[in-house]
C-alpha atoms as a PDB file:
ATOM      1  CA  MET A   1      -0.050   0.003  -0.005  1.00  0.00           C
ATOM      2  CA  ARG A   2       1.260   3.512  -0.771  1.00  0.00           C
ATOM      3  CA  PHE A   3       0.600   6.638   1.209  1.00  0.00           C
ATOM      4  CA  GLU A   4       0.823  10.394   0.452  1.00  0.00           C
ATOM      5  CA  ILE A   5       2.580  12.370   3.155  1.00  0.00           C
ATOM      6  CA  MET A   6       2.135  16.048   2.972  1.00  0.00           C
ATOM      7  CA  ARG A   7       4.375  18.463   5.114  1.00  0.00           C
ATOM      8  CA  LEU A   8       2.065  21.323   6.522  1.00  0.00           C
ATOM      9  CA  ASP A   9       2.863  24.948   6.990  1.00  0.00           C
ATOM     10  CA  ASP A  10       3.514  25.882  10.783  1.00  0.00           C
ATOM     11  CA  VAL A  11       1.398  29.052  10.383  1.00  0.00           C
ATOM     12  CA  ASP A  12      -1.719  28.103   8.428  1.00  0.00           C
ATOM     13  CA  GLY A  13      -1.587  24.408   8.024  1.00  0.00           C
ATOM     14  CA  THR A  14      -1.612  24.322   4.122  1.00  0.00           C
ATOM     15  CA  ALA A  15       0.288  21.574   2.427  1.00  0.00           C
ATOM     16  CA  VAL A  16       3.757  22.896   1.522  1.00  0.00           C
ATOM     17  CA  ASP A  17       4.877  19.704  -0.415  1.00  0.00           C
ATOM     18  CA  SER A  18       3.958  16.181  -0.661  1.00  0.00           C
ATOM     19  CA  THR A  19       5.406  12.784  -1.519  1.00  0.00           C
ATOM     20  CA  VAL A  20       4.038   9.295  -2.039  1.00  0.00           C
ATOM     21  CA  VAL A  21       5.939   6.390  -0.266  1.00  0.00           C
ATOM     22  CA  ASP A  22       5.334   2.809   0.410  1.00  0.00           C
ATOM     23  CA  ALA A  23       4.013   1.606   3.679  1.00  0.00           C
ATOM     24  CA  ALA A  24       7.562   0.461   4.841  1.00  0.00           C
ATOM     25  CA  SER A  25       8.726   4.042   4.515  1.00  0.00           C
ATOM     26  CA  VAL A  26       5.892   5.774   6.669  1.00  0.00           C
ATOM     27  CA  ASN A  27       7.368   5.052  10.135  1.00  0.00           C
ATOM     28  CA  ARG A  28      10.839   6.526   9.198  1.00  0.00           C
ATOM     29  CA  ILE A  29       9.275   9.727   7.728  1.00  0.00           C
ATOM     30  CA  VAL A  30       7.075  10.209  10.779  1.00  0.00           C
ATOM     31  CA  GLN A  31      10.030   9.749  13.100  1.00  0.00           C
ATOM     32  CA  GLN A  32      11.919  12.287  11.057  1.00  0.00           C
ATOM     33  CA  ALA A  33       9.194  14.764  11.144  1.00  0.00           C
ATOM     34  CA  ALA A  34       8.696  14.339  14.900  1.00  0.00           C
ATOM     35  CA  ALA A  35      12.350  14.906  15.428  1.00  0.00           C
ATOM     36  CA  MET A  36      12.279  18.215  13.498  1.00  0.00           C
ATOM     37  CA  GLY A  37       8.931  19.309  14.862  1.00  0.00           C
ATOM     38  CA  GLN A  38       7.326  19.328  11.585  1.00  0.00           C
ATOM     39  CA  ARG A  39       3.558  18.869  11.045  1.00  0.00           C
ATOM     40  CA  ILE A  40       2.469  16.230   8.529  1.00  0.00           C
ATOM     41  CA  TYR A  41      -0.696  14.746   7.166  1.00  0.00           C
ATOM     42  CA  ILE A  42      -0.792  11.160   5.828  1.00  0.00           C
ATOM     43  CA  ARG A  43      -3.472   9.591   3.729  1.00  0.00           C
ATOM     44  CA  PRO A  44      -3.694   6.583   1.470  1.00  0.00           C
ATOM     45  CA  ALA A  45      -2.428   7.510  -2.063  1.00  0.00           C
ATOM     46  CA  ASP A  46      -4.847   7.636  -4.775  1.00  0.00           C
ATOM     47  CA  THR A  47      -4.259   4.332  -6.632  1.00  0.00           C
ATOM     48  CA  SER A  48      -6.169   5.328  -9.847  1.00  0.00           C
ATOM     49  CA  ALA A  49      -3.246   7.807 -10.707  1.00  0.00           C
ATOM     50  CA  SER A  50      -0.531   4.892 -10.801  1.00  0.00           C
END
């Protein structure tokens, strides 16, 4: 399964950038974001675009 991870702006919460990763990479990205104090939003990737 693939997930879209969006980095959110600290001020207004809008998406600054996004990336699509496999399930195995989600934990690593969450840990990195937590260590840096980043806000992120994770959702299942749109499989119809693949």
